[in-house]
Amino acid sequence: MTYALITVSAGIIDQVAFFDSVQQAIRALADFVKGINPLDDNDAAVFGPEGLVANAKNFLDENDQFIENSELVNELVSNEEKSNPVYIISNPVHWLGFMVVSSDDPLGYKDPVEAVSELGQMRKDAGNHLKLYQVIPVERPVIKKADLERYIAENEIEDFEFPLVEEYVGP
């Protein structure tokens, strides 16, 4: 997932930085807040796919002083293992369609350094058309039941079991 750190100076957006992990974004926010003068008209916030994640005020006490050991940073850093993305290397222009590629197992990488290293080796052999993607689990319905039923009928799929995919099928 992508997280954006937006800094504001005198009411105008100053900088925008993007991060793959919420922990990196929160650490960057904490570093920004640590370096600002509370009397200046500066602000910052981290936004994720669901909206606001944290803002500068989370790192300031009632006197607008930086809180050195913020519970927010510690909590998010302790959950780092849980939210690490998975990276895959894929060929988006393969003649059969989008195709995940791998020189060997694994097909997905948790370590971005390993993923980029592998991508470099694979591009050397197969070309620069290969790209790095981030896998995001689907956790809600993406199709309507009528559309799936129509597809099954058109493709003459027999004995399809709807309960096996019900979390991805809406009304």
C-alpha atoms as a PDB file:
ATOM      1  CA  MET A   1       0.000   0.000   0.000  1.00  0.00           C
ATOM      2  CA  THR A   2       1.058   3.561  -0.521  1.00  0.00           C
ATOM      3  CA  TYR A   3       1.227   6.106   2.268  1.00  0.00           C
ATOM      4  CA  ALA A   4       1.770   9.829   1.682  1.00  0.00           C
ATOM      5  CA  LEU A   5       3.472  12.255   4.052  1.00  0.00           C
ATOM      6  CA  ILE A   6       2.270  15.771   3.302  1.00  0.00           C
ATOM      7  CA  THR A   7       4.010  18.726   4.915  1.00  0.00           C
ATOM      8  CA  VAL A   8       2.447  22.181   5.031  1.00  0.00           C
ATOM      9  CA  SER A   9       4.177  25.524   5.488  1.00  0.00           C
ATOM     10  CA  ALA A  10       2.131  28.682   6.069  1.00  0.00           C
ATOM     11  CA  GLY A  11      -1.005  26.893   4.903  1.00  0.00           C
ATOM     12  CA  ILE A  12       0.511  25.778   1.580  1.00  0.00           C
ATOM     13  CA  ILE A  13       1.578  22.233   0.727  1.00  0.00           C
ATOM     14  CA  ASP A  14       5.353  22.224   0.979  1.00  0.00           C
ATOM     15  CA  GLN A  15       6.340  18.620   0.209  1.00  0.00           C
ATOM     16  CA  VAL A  16       4.758  15.258  -0.516  1.00  0.00           C
ATOM     17  CA  ALA A  17       6.662  12.004   0.004  1.00  0.00           C
ATOM     18  CA  PHE A  18       5.385   8.500  -0.713  1.00  0.00           C
ATOM     19  CA  PHE A  19       6.187   5.359   1.280  1.00  0.00           C
ATOM     20  CA  ASP A  20       5.417   1.660   0.864  1.00  0.00           C
ATOM     21  CA  SER A  21       4.995   1.038   4.568  1.00  0.00           C
ATOM     22  CA  VAL A  22       3.126   2.922   7.245  1.00  0.00           C
ATOM     23  CA  GLN A  23       6.131   2.561   9.560  1.00  0.00           C
ATOM     24  CA  GLN A  24       8.433   4.434   7.163  1.00  0.00           C
ATOM     25  CA  ALA A  25       5.839   7.174   6.744  1.00  0.00           C
ATOM     26  CA  ILE A  26       5.254   7.528  10.505  1.00  0.00           C
ATOM     27  CA  ARG A  27       9.003   7.649  11.187  1.00  0.00           C
ATOM     28  CA  ALA A  28       9.397  10.374   8.535  1.00  0.00           C
ATOM     29  CA  LEU A  29       6.503  12.302  10.126  1.00  0.00           C
ATOM     30  CA  ALA A  30       8.129  11.995  13.563  1.00  0.00           C
ATOM     31  CA  ASP A  31      11.458  13.216  12.148  1.00  0.00           C
ATOM     32  CA  PHE A  32       9.706  16.176  10.524  1.00  0.00           C
ATOM     33  CA  VAL A  33       7.885  17.110  13.737  1.00  0.00           C
ATOM     34  CA  LYS A  34      11.110  16.755  15.724  1.00  0.00           C
ATOM     35  CA  GLY A  35      12.723  19.407  13.503  1.00  0.00           C
ATOM     36  CA  ILE A  36       9.956  22.016  13.322  1.00  0.00           C
ATOM     37  CA  ASN A  37       9.531  25.124  15.413  1.00  0.00           C
ATOM     38  CA  PRO A  38       6.126  24.851  17.136  1.00  0.00           C
ATOM     39  CA  LEU A  39       5.667  28.623  16.794  1.00  0.00           C
ATOM     40  CA  ASP A  40       5.907  28.465  12.991  1.00  0.00           C
ATOM     41  CA  ASP A  41       2.829  27.772  10.919  1.00  0.00           C
ATOM     42  CA  ASN A  42       3.938  24.255   9.890  1.00  0.00           C
ATOM     43  CA  ASP A  43       1.958  21.040   9.893  1.00  0.00           C
ATOM     44  CA  ALA A  44       2.228  17.523   8.502  1.00  0.00           C
ATOM     45  CA  ALA A  45       0.157  14.383   8.198  1.00  0.00           C
ATOM     46  CA  VAL A  46       0.371  10.837   6.879  1.00  0.00           C
ATOM     47  CA  PHE A  47      -2.464   9.571   4.712  1.00  0.00           C
ATOM     48  CA  GLY A  48      -3.106   5.982   3.633  1.00  0.00           C
ATOM     49  CA  PRO A  49      -5.711   4.221   1.516  1.00  0.00           C
ATOM     50  CA  GLU A  50      -8.336   4.692   4.227  1.00  0.00           C
ATOM     51  CA  GLY A  51      -7.534   8.371   4.919  1.00  0.00           C
ATOM     52  CA  LEU A  52      -5.657  10.080   7.747  1.00  0.00           C
ATOM     53  CA  VAL A  53      -3.245   7.815   9.637  1.00  0.00           C
ATOM     54  CA  ALA A  54      -1.464  10.349  11.877  1.00  0.00           C
ATOM     55  CA  ASN A  55      -0.648  14.037  12.027  1.00  0.00           C
ATOM     56  CA  ALA A  56       1.926  16.254  13.700  1.00  0.00           C
ATOM     57  CA  LYS A  57      -0.235  16.729  16.789  1.00  0.00           C
ATOM     58  CA  ASN A  58       0.146  13.021  17.600  1.00  0.00           C
ATOM     59  CA  PHE A  59       3.810  13.766  18.362  1.00  0.00           C
ATOM     60  CA  LEU A  60       3.339  16.936  20.390  1.00  0.00           C
ATOM     61  CA  ASP A  61       2.424  17.321  24.058  1.00  0.00           C
ATOM     62  CA  GLU A  62       0.067  19.990  25.435  1.00  0.00           C
ATOM     63  CA  ASN A  63       2.925  22.546  25.290  1.00  0.00           C
ATOM     64  CA  ASP A  64       3.626  21.719  21.615  1.00  0.00           C
ATOM     65  CA  GLN A  65       6.899  20.014  22.511  1.00  0.00           C
ATOM     66  CA  PHE A  66       7.990  16.876  20.671  1.00  0.00           C
ATOM     67  CA  ILE A  67       7.257  13.640  22.538  1.00  0.00           C
ATOM     68  CA  GLU A  68      10.491  11.656  22.225  1.00  0.00           C
ATOM     69  CA  ASN A  69       9.039   8.167  22.808  1.00  0.00           C
ATOM     70  CA  SER A  70       5.689   8.504  21.128  1.00  0.00           C
ATOM     71  CA  GLU A  71       3.365   5.546  21.709  1.00  0.00           C
ATOM     72  CA  LEU A  72       2.108   5.885  18.151  1.00  0.00           C
ATOM     73  CA  VAL A  73       5.537   5.209  16.626  1.00  0.00           C
ATOM     74  CA  ASN A  74       6.240   2.337  19.006  1.00  0.00           C
ATOM     75  CA  GLU A  75       2.872   0.728  18.331  1.00  0.00           C
ATOM     76  CA  LEU A  76       3.226   0.947  14.562  1.00  0.00           C
ATOM     77  CA  VAL A  77       6.829  -0.241  14.581  1.00  0.00           C
ATOM     78  CA  SER A  78       5.862  -3.280  16.670  1.00  0.00           C
ATOM     79  CA  ASN A  79       3.267  -4.180  14.028  1.00  0.00           C
ATOM     80  CA  GLU A  80       5.798  -3.878  11.197  1.00  0.00           C
ATOM     81  CA  GLU A  81       5.861  -7.632  10.534  1.00  0.00           C
ATOM     82  CA  LYS A  82       2.099  -7.671  10.098  1.00  0.00           C
ATOM     83  CA  SER A  83       1.897  -4.989   7.415  1.00  0.00           C
ATOM     84  CA  ASN A  84       4.921  -5.699   5.233  1.00  0.00           C
ATOM     85  CA  PRO A  85       3.961  -5.812   1.578  1.00  0.00           C
ATOM     86  CA  VAL A  86       4.709  -8.634  -0.826  1.00  0.00           C
ATOM     87  CA  TYR A  87       6.420  -7.765  -4.126  1.00  0.00           C
ATOM     88  CA  ILE A  88       6.139  -9.676  -7.393  1.00  0.00           C
ATOM     89  CA  ILE A  89       7.915  -9.328 -10.710  1.00  0.00           C
ATOM     90  CA  SER A  90       5.647  -9.393 -13.694  1.00  0.00           C
ATOM     91  CA  ASN A  91       5.474  -8.970 -17.438  1.00  0.00           C
ATOM     92  CA  PRO A  92       2.524  -6.635 -18.116  1.00  0.00           C
ATOM     93  CA  VAL A  93       2.811  -7.028 -21.911  1.00  0.00           C
ATOM     94  CA  HIS A  94       3.034 -10.804 -22.301  1.00  0.00           C
ATOM     95  CA  TRP A  95       1.097 -12.104 -25.309  1.00  0.00           C
ATOM     96  CA  LEU A  96      -1.010 -14.309 -22.990  1.00  0.00           C
ATOM     97  CA  GLY A  97      -1.785 -11.371 -20.674  1.00  0.00           C
ATOM     98  CA  PHE A  98      -0.361 -10.132 -17.398  1.00  0.00           C
ATOM     99  CA  MET A  99       2.110 -12.799 -16.270  1.00  0.00           C
ATOM    100  CA  VAL A 100       3.994 -13.172 -12.983  1.00  0.00           C
ATOM    101  CA  VAL A 101       7.565 -14.235 -13.715  1.00  0.00           C
ATOM    102  CA  SER A 102      10.292 -15.766 -11.617  1.00  0.00           C
ATOM    103  CA  SER A 103      13.714 -17.201 -12.237  1.00  0.00           C
ATOM    104  CA  ASP A 104      12.912 -19.727  -9.510  1.00  0.00           C
ATOM    105  CA  ASP A 105      10.897 -19.867  -6.305  1.00  0.00           C
ATOM    106  CA  PRO A 106       9.640 -17.736  -4.625  1.00  0.00           C
ATOM    107  CA  LEU A 107       7.223 -15.822  -6.811  1.00  0.00           C
ATOM    108  CA  GLY A 108       6.708 -13.161  -4.143  1.00  0.00           C
ATOM    109  CA  TYR A 109       9.256 -11.312  -2.031  1.00  0.00           C
ATOM    110  CA  LYS A 110       8.808  -9.737   1.407  1.00  0.00           C
ATOM    111  CA  ASP A 111      12.218  -8.074   1.276  1.00  0.00           C
ATOM    112  CA  PRO A 112      12.167  -5.179  -1.223  1.00  0.00           C
ATOM    113  CA  VAL A 113      15.963  -5.335  -1.539  1.00  0.00           C
ATOM    114  CA  GLU A 114      15.748  -8.972  -2.647  1.00  0.00           C
ATOM    115  CA  ALA A 115      12.871  -8.142  -5.028  1.00  0.00           C
ATOM    116  CA  VAL A 116      14.731  -5.285  -6.724  1.00  0.00           C
ATOM    117  CA  SER A 117      17.919  -7.348  -6.917  1.00  0.00           C
ATOM    118  CA  GLU A 118      16.024 -10.203  -8.556  1.00  0.00           C
ATOM    119  CA  LEU A 119      14.298  -7.760 -10.928  1.00  0.00           C
ATOM    120  CA  GLY A 120      17.699  -6.446 -12.006  1.00  0.00           C
ATOM    121  CA  GLN A 121      18.942  -9.945 -12.782  1.00  0.00           C
ATOM    122  CA  MET A 122      15.763 -10.843 -14.646  1.00  0.00           C
ATOM    123  CA  ARG A 123      15.819  -7.619 -16.694  1.00  0.00           C
ATOM    124  CA  LYS A 124      19.375  -8.425 -17.720  1.00  0.00           C
ATOM    125  CA  ASP A 125      18.135 -11.738 -19.146  1.00  0.00           C
ATOM    126  CA  ALA A 126      14.603 -10.876 -20.314  1.00  0.00           C
ATOM    127  CA  GLY A 127      14.405  -7.090 -20.829  1.00  0.00           C
ATOM    128  CA  ASN A 128      13.310  -3.840 -19.206  1.00  0.00           C
ATOM    129  CA  HIS A 129       9.624  -4.513 -19.823  1.00  0.00           C
ATOM    130  CA  LEU A 130       9.506  -6.494 -16.560  1.00  0.00           C
ATOM    131  CA  LYS A 131       8.087  -4.451 -13.676  1.00  0.00           C
ATOM    132  CA  LEU A 132       7.879  -4.673  -9.902  1.00  0.00           C
ATOM    133  CA  TYR A 133       4.393  -4.794  -8.380  1.00  0.00           C
ATOM    134  CA  GLN A 134       3.076  -4.774  -4.849  1.00  0.00           C
ATOM    135  CA  VAL A 135       0.484  -7.389  -3.934  1.00  0.00           C
ATOM    136  CA  ILE A 136      -2.540  -6.096  -2.053  1.00  0.00           C
ATOM    137  CA  PRO A 137      -4.982  -8.665  -0.672  1.00  0.00           C
ATOM    138  CA  VAL A 138      -8.566  -8.292  -1.850  1.00  0.00           C
ATOM    139  CA  GLU A 139     -10.793  -8.100   1.209  1.00  0.00           C
ATOM    140  CA  ARG A 140     -14.180  -7.122  -0.229  1.00  0.00           C
ATOM    141  CA  PRO A 141     -16.546  -8.062  -3.045  1.00  0.00           C
ATOM    142  CA  VAL A 142     -15.234  -7.163  -6.506  1.00  0.00           C
ATOM    143  CA  ILE A 143     -18.017  -8.553  -8.714  1.00  0.00           C
ATOM    144  CA  LYS A 144     -21.772  -9.008  -8.669  1.00  0.00           C
ATOM    145  CA  LYS A 145     -23.266 -12.470  -8.382  1.00  0.00           C
ATOM    146  CA  ALA A 146     -25.224 -11.984 -11.630  1.00  0.00           C
ATOM    147  CA  ASP A 147     -21.991 -11.219 -13.532  1.00  0.00           C
ATOM    148  CA  LEU A 148     -20.328 -14.356 -12.181  1.00  0.00           C
ATOM    149  CA  GLU A 149     -23.387 -16.465 -13.012  1.00  0.00           C
ATOM    150  CA  ARG A 150     -23.379 -15.069 -16.570  1.00  0.00           C
ATOM    151  CA  TYR A 151     -19.647 -15.807 -16.976  1.00  0.00           C
ATOM    152  CA  ILE A 152     -20.121 -19.378 -15.704  1.00  0.00           C
ATOM    153  CA  ALA A 153     -22.994 -19.943 -18.135  1.00  0.00           C
ATOM    154  CA  GLU A 154     -21.143 -18.412 -21.119  1.00  0.00           C
ATOM    155  CA  ASN A 155     -18.063 -20.543 -20.466  1.00  0.00           C
ATOM    156  CA  GLU A 156     -20.059 -23.685 -19.668  1.00  0.00           C
ATOM    157  CA  ILE A 157     -18.395 -24.200 -16.291  1.00  0.00           C
ATOM    158  CA  GLU A 158     -19.984 -27.132 -14.512  1.00  0.00           C
ATOM    159  CA  ASP A 159     -20.360 -27.697 -10.766  1.00  0.00           C
ATOM    160  CA  PHE A 160     -19.115 -24.230  -9.744  1.00  0.00           C
ATOM    161  CA  GLU A 161     -19.199 -23.837  -5.947  1.00  0.00           C
ATOM    162  CA  PHE A 162     -20.185 -20.266  -5.011  1.00  0.00           C
ATOM    163  CA  PRO A 163     -19.355 -20.621  -1.282  1.00  0.00           C
ATOM    164  CA  LEU A 164     -15.665 -21.008  -2.181  1.00  0.00           C
ATOM    165  CA  VAL A 165     -15.525 -17.405  -3.425  1.00  0.00           C
ATOM    166  CA  GLU A 166     -18.394 -15.739  -1.576  1.00  0.00           C
ATOM    167  CA  GLU A 167     -16.216 -13.069   0.095  1.00  0.00           C
ATOM    168  CA  TYR A 168     -15.436 -11.625  -3.379  1.00  0.00           C
ATOM    169  CA  VAL A 169     -19.014 -11.715  -4.696  1.00  0.00           C
ATOM    170  CA  GLY A 170     -21.519  -8.976  -3.940  1.00  0.00           C
ATOM    171  CA  PRO A 171     -25.279  -8.967  -4.363  1.00  0.00           C
END
